[in-house]
C-alpha cells in the first residue's frame, strides 16, 4: 500500500501546486475518480501502459495540465482523444469550457462516454470518427493533440479547422526539429515551441503552439 506521503492524491496536489494551478476540491476528486476508472478499464481495453495510479497522475494527468496556461477561449477540440488526455484533466480544471472529443476507436469512445457519466462532467461531446471528416458549424478556439501524429501529418489532417484566431497545441516529447523543418513555411512561421516541465517526471516534454494563423488557416 502506498504511504500517505506518496499517495496519488498527494502526488496530484503537490504537482498541481508546482504547476502554479489552483484546482478545487471537486476537481481533485474528479481527477482521482478518473484515475480509478482508467485503471479498471485499462486492464481490459489496453487504454494506457501505466498500471499504477501514481504513474497515471504523473505521466498523464499532470502532463496534460502543463498546457492549461496555453489554452485560449471557451470552445475546445481534442483530436485523437484516446483515453481522455489531455481533454479530461483540462475540462475538469476549467469546467466552464466546452469540449468536443474526436476518437476513431469505438471502444475508447465507450470509455470516454462512461467517464463523462460517472464524473458527471458537462459541456463535453464525444464524436466517434476521424478528424478529416469533422465539419463543425462552429470552429473551436483551441485545438489540442497529444501523441497524435508527426507535425506534417497533423497539420494536413486538421488545417481545415484552423482559423485566424485559433490556437493549435501539439504535445510532444523531445523538441521536434525535423518535423518542424518539414512544415510549409507559412505554417512553420506560426509555430512556437514551449518547453514543458511535468512535476515528478524526468523526461523531455514540449508543446508546439501554432497561433496568429491568418496566413496559415485553410481557405
Protein backbone atom coordinates (compact mmCIF):
# COMPACT_ATOMS: atom_id res chain seq x y z
CA UNK A 1 0.00 0.00 0.00
CA UNK A 2 1.28 3.46 -0.84
CA UNK A 3 2.09 5.68 2.09
CA UNK A 4 0.12 8.88 2.51
CA UNK A 5 3.17 10.93 1.56
CA UNK A 6 3.27 9.20 -1.83
CA UNK A 7 -0.43 8.64 -2.43
CA UNK A 8 -1.93 9.56 -5.81
CA UNK A 9 -3.84 12.41 -4.14
CA UNK A 10 -0.67 13.83 -2.56
CA UNK A 11 1.20 13.49 -5.84
CA UNK A 12 -1.62 15.27 -7.66
CA UNK A 13 -1.98 18.09 -5.14
CA UNK A 14 1.76 18.70 -4.96
CA UNK A 15 2.11 18.54 -8.73
CA UNK A 16 -0.73 20.98 -9.30
CA UNK A 17 0.88 23.35 -6.82
CA UNK A 18 4.23 23.12 -8.59
CA UNK A 19 2.49 23.95 -11.86
CA UNK A 20 1.06 27.07 -10.24
CA UNK A 21 -2.51 25.90 -10.73
CA UNK A 22 -5.45 26.05 -8.34
CA UNK A 23 -7.84 23.11 -8.55
CA UNK A 24 -10.95 22.91 -6.40
CA UNK A 25 -11.62 20.00 -4.05
CA UNK A 26 -14.27 18.80 -6.50
CA UNK A 27 -11.76 18.89 -9.37
CA UNK A 28 -9.18 16.94 -7.35
CA UNK A 29 -11.80 14.30 -6.52
CA UNK A 30 -12.87 14.05 -10.17
CA UNK A 31 -9.27 13.60 -11.29
CA UNK A 32 -8.73 10.78 -8.81
CA UNK A 33 -12.00 9.10 -9.79
CA UNK A 34 -10.87 9.33 -13.41
CA UNK A 35 -7.63 7.57 -12.48
CA UNK A 36 -9.58 4.72 -10.87
CA UNK A 37 -11.80 4.34 -13.93
CA UNK A 38 -8.75 4.32 -16.17
CA UNK A 39 -7.10 1.61 -14.08
CA UNK A 40 -10.25 -0.50 -14.15
CA UNK A 41 -10.93 -0.16 -17.87
CA UNK A 42 -7.28 -0.13 -18.83
CA UNK A 43 -6.76 -3.69 -17.70
CA UNK A 44 -9.37 -4.87 -20.20
CA UNK A 45 -9.09 -2.41 -23.09
CA UNK A 46 -5.37 -1.54 -23.01
CA UNK A 47 -6.05 2.19 -22.65
CA UNK A 48 -2.65 3.01 -21.19
CA UNK A 49 0.63 1.29 -20.43
CA UNK A 50 0.52 2.68 -16.88
CA UNK A 51 -0.82 0.21 -14.33
CA UNK A 52 -0.24 2.29 -11.20
CA UNK A 53 -2.37 5.22 -10.00
CA UNK A 54 0.63 7.36 -9.12
CA UNK A 55 2.14 6.75 -12.54
CA UNK A 56 -1.09 7.84 -14.23
CA UNK A 57 -1.18 11.00 -12.13
CA UNK A 58 2.34 11.97 -13.17
CA UNK A 59 2.54 10.74 -16.76
CA UNK A 60 -0.97 11.61 -17.84
CA UNK A 61 -2.86 13.98 -15.50
CA UNK A 62 -0.01 16.36 -14.65
CA UNK A 63 1.42 16.02 -18.14
CA UNK A 64 -1.93 17.15 -19.57
CA UNK A 65 -2.27 20.04 -17.13
CA UNK A 66 1.07 21.54 -18.20
CA UNK A 67 -0.63 23.07 -21.23
CA UNK A 68 -3.53 24.65 -19.31
CA UNK A 69 -1.94 28.15 -19.40
CA UNK A 70 -1.65 27.84 -23.20
CA UNK A 71 -5.34 27.10 -23.79
CA UNK A 72 -7.37 30.05 -25.10
CA UNK A 73 -11.09 30.70 -25.44
CA UNK A 74 -14.13 28.69 -24.40
CA UNK A 75 -14.64 26.15 -27.18
CA UNK A 76 -12.05 23.36 -27.31
CA UNK A 77 -11.36 20.41 -29.58
CA UNK A 78 -9.30 17.35 -28.56
CA UNK A 79 -8.25 15.37 -31.61
CA UNK A 80 -7.48 11.68 -31.14
CA UNK A 81 -8.63 11.71 -27.52
CA UNK A 82 -7.72 8.10 -26.77
CA UNK A 83 -8.16 7.58 -23.03
CA UNK A 84 -9.15 11.22 -22.49
CA UNK A 85 -5.85 13.08 -22.39
CA UNK A 86 -5.38 15.97 -22.37
CA UNK A 87 -9.10 16.82 -22.59
CA UNK A 88 -10.46 15.42 -19.31
CA UNK A 89 -7.86 16.98 -16.97
CA UNK A 90 -8.22 20.31 -18.78
CA UNK A 91 -12.03 20.13 -18.73
CA UNK A 92 -12.03 19.27 -15.03
CA UNK A 93 -9.70 22.18 -14.29
CA UNK A 94 -11.88 24.62 -16.27
CA UNK A 95 -15.44 23.29 -16.05
CA UNK A 96 -16.97 26.30 -17.83
CA UNK A 97 -15.26 25.44 -21.11
CA UNK A 98 -16.96 23.45 -23.86
CA UNK A 99 -15.21 20.44 -25.35
CA UNK A 100 -15.54 18.21 -28.38
CA UNK A 101 -13.51 14.97 -28.28
CA UNK A 102 -12.84 13.15 -31.55
CA UNK A 103 -11.84 9.49 -31.32
CA UNK A 104 -11.88 6.92 -34.12
CA UNK A 105 -11.91 3.76 -31.98
CA UNK A 106 -15.32 2.71 -30.69
CA UNK A 107 -14.04 1.01 -27.51
CA UNK A 108 -12.30 4.21 -26.47
CA UNK A 109 -15.38 6.25 -27.31
CA UNK A 110 -17.35 3.98 -24.96
CA UNK A 111 -14.80 4.63 -22.22
CA UNK A 112 -14.88 8.40 -22.75
CA UNK A 113 -18.67 8.44 -22.55
CA UNK A 114 -18.57 6.27 -19.42
CA UNK A 115 -16.17 8.71 -17.73
CA UNK A 116 -18.43 11.65 -18.59
CA UNK A 117 -21.41 9.90 -17.00
CA UNK A 118 -19.57 8.67 -13.90
CA UNK A 119 -17.87 12.00 -13.17
CA UNK A 120 -20.99 13.98 -14.14
CA UNK A 121 -18.97 16.17 -16.47
CA UNK A 122 -20.89 18.73 -18.51
CA UNK A 123 -20.22 20.55 -21.74
CA UNK A 124 -18.37 17.63 -23.35
CA UNK A 125 -19.36 15.93 -26.61
CA UNK A 126 -17.66 12.77 -27.90
CA UNK A 127 -17.59 12.06 -31.62
CA UNK A 128 -16.72 8.63 -33.00
CA UNK A 129 -14.92 9.43 -36.22
CA UNK A 130 -11.86 10.83 -37.96
CA UNK A 131 -10.84 14.46 -37.76
CA UNK A 132 -10.52 14.61 -41.56
CA UNK A 133 -14.29 14.09 -41.76
CA UNK A 134 -15.20 16.55 -38.99
CA UNK A 135 -17.02 19.61 -40.34
CA UNK A 136 -18.45 21.58 -37.41
CA UNK A 137 -20.82 24.53 -37.75
CA UNK A 138 -18.64 26.42 -35.26
CA UNK A 139 -14.85 26.25 -35.31
CA UNK A 140 -13.06 25.76 -31.99
CA UNK A 141 -10.93 28.37 -30.22
CA UNK A 142 -8.22 25.89 -29.22
CA UNK A 143 -7.30 22.54 -30.77
CA UNK A 144 -5.21 20.13 -28.69
CA UNK A 145 -3.46 16.90 -29.66
CA UNK A 146 -1.33 14.57 -27.57
CA UNK A 147 0.75 11.85 -29.24
CA UNK A 148 -1.43 12.26 -32.32
CA UNK A 149 0.86 12.30 -35.36
CA UNK A 150 4.04 13.86 -36.77
CA UNK A 151 3.55 17.59 -37.35
CA UNK A 152 3.25 17.47 -41.17
CA UNK A 153 0.51 14.82 -40.92
CA UNK A 154 -1.13 16.64 -38.03
CA UNK A 155 -1.29 19.90 -39.98
CA UNK A 156 -2.59 18.20 -43.13
CA UNK A 157 -5.42 16.45 -41.28
CA UNK A 158 -6.54 19.40 -39.13
CA UNK A 159 -5.87 22.51 -41.20
CA UNK A 160 -9.48 22.73 -42.39
CA UNK A 161 -10.32 23.51 -38.74
CA UNK A 162 -7.80 26.35 -38.37
CA UNK A 163 -8.84 29.99 -38.43
CA UNK A 164 -7.07 33.29 -37.82
CA UNK A 165 -7.77 33.46 -34.08
CA UNK A 166 -7.35 29.76 -33.29
CA UNK A 167 -4.65 28.26 -31.11
CA UNK A 168 -3.38 24.80 -32.07
CA UNK A 169 -1.38 22.88 -29.46
CA UNK A 170 0.53 19.71 -30.32
CA UNK A 171 2.03 17.96 -27.29
CA UNK A 172 5.39 16.33 -27.98
CA UNK A 173 8.23 14.63 -26.16
CA UNK A 174 11.58 15.84 -27.43
CA UNK A 175 11.66 19.06 -29.43
CA UNK A 176 10.61 18.00 -32.96
CA UNK A 177 13.23 19.82 -35.05
CA UNK A 178 12.90 17.64 -38.14
CA UNK A 179 9.10 17.70 -38.06
CA UNK A 180 9.12 21.49 -37.89
CA UNK A 181 11.52 21.75 -40.82
CA UNK A 182 9.15 19.62 -42.91
CA UNK A 183 6.25 22.07 -42.50
CA UNK A 184 5.30 24.65 -45.12
CA UNK A 185 6.93 28.00 -44.33
CA UNK A 186 3.63 29.80 -43.73
CA UNK A 187 2.77 27.18 -41.09
CA UNK A 188 6.24 26.98 -39.56
CA UNK A 189 6.26 30.76 -39.12
CA UNK A 190 3.21 30.45 -36.84
CA UNK A 191 4.85 27.86 -34.56
CA UNK A 192 6.37 28.42 -31.14
CA UNK A 193 8.00 25.57 -29.22
CA UNK A 194 7.26 25.76 -25.49
CA UNK A 195 9.30 23.57 -23.08
CA UNK A 196 7.11 21.83 -20.50
CA UNK A 197 8.12 20.60 -17.05
CA UNK A 198 5.99 17.81 -15.61
CA UNK A 199 6.34 17.59 -11.81
CA UNK A 200 7.90 14.26 -10.84
CA UNK A 201 8.79 13.27 -14.41
CA UNK A 202 12.38 13.28 -15.62
CA UNK A 203 11.64 13.34 -19.34
CA UNK A 204 11.62 15.85 -22.16
CA UNK A 205 8.25 17.43 -22.93
CA UNK A 206 7.36 20.22 -25.34
CA UNK A 207 4.28 21.86 -26.80
CA UNK A 208 4.31 23.16 -30.35
CA UNK A 209 1.86 26.07 -30.34
CA UNK A 210 0.52 27.45 -33.60
CA UNK A 211 -1.08 30.90 -33.28
CA UNK A 212 -1.69 34.08 -35.29
CA UNK A 213 -2.87 31.83 -38.09
CA UNK A 214 -4.07 34.42 -40.63
CA UNK A 215 -1.53 33.23 -43.19
CA UNK A 216 -1.80 29.54 -42.36
CA UNK A 217 -5.52 28.86 -41.96
CA UNK A 218 -7.22 26.86 -44.66
CA UNK A 219 -9.22 28.53 -47.36
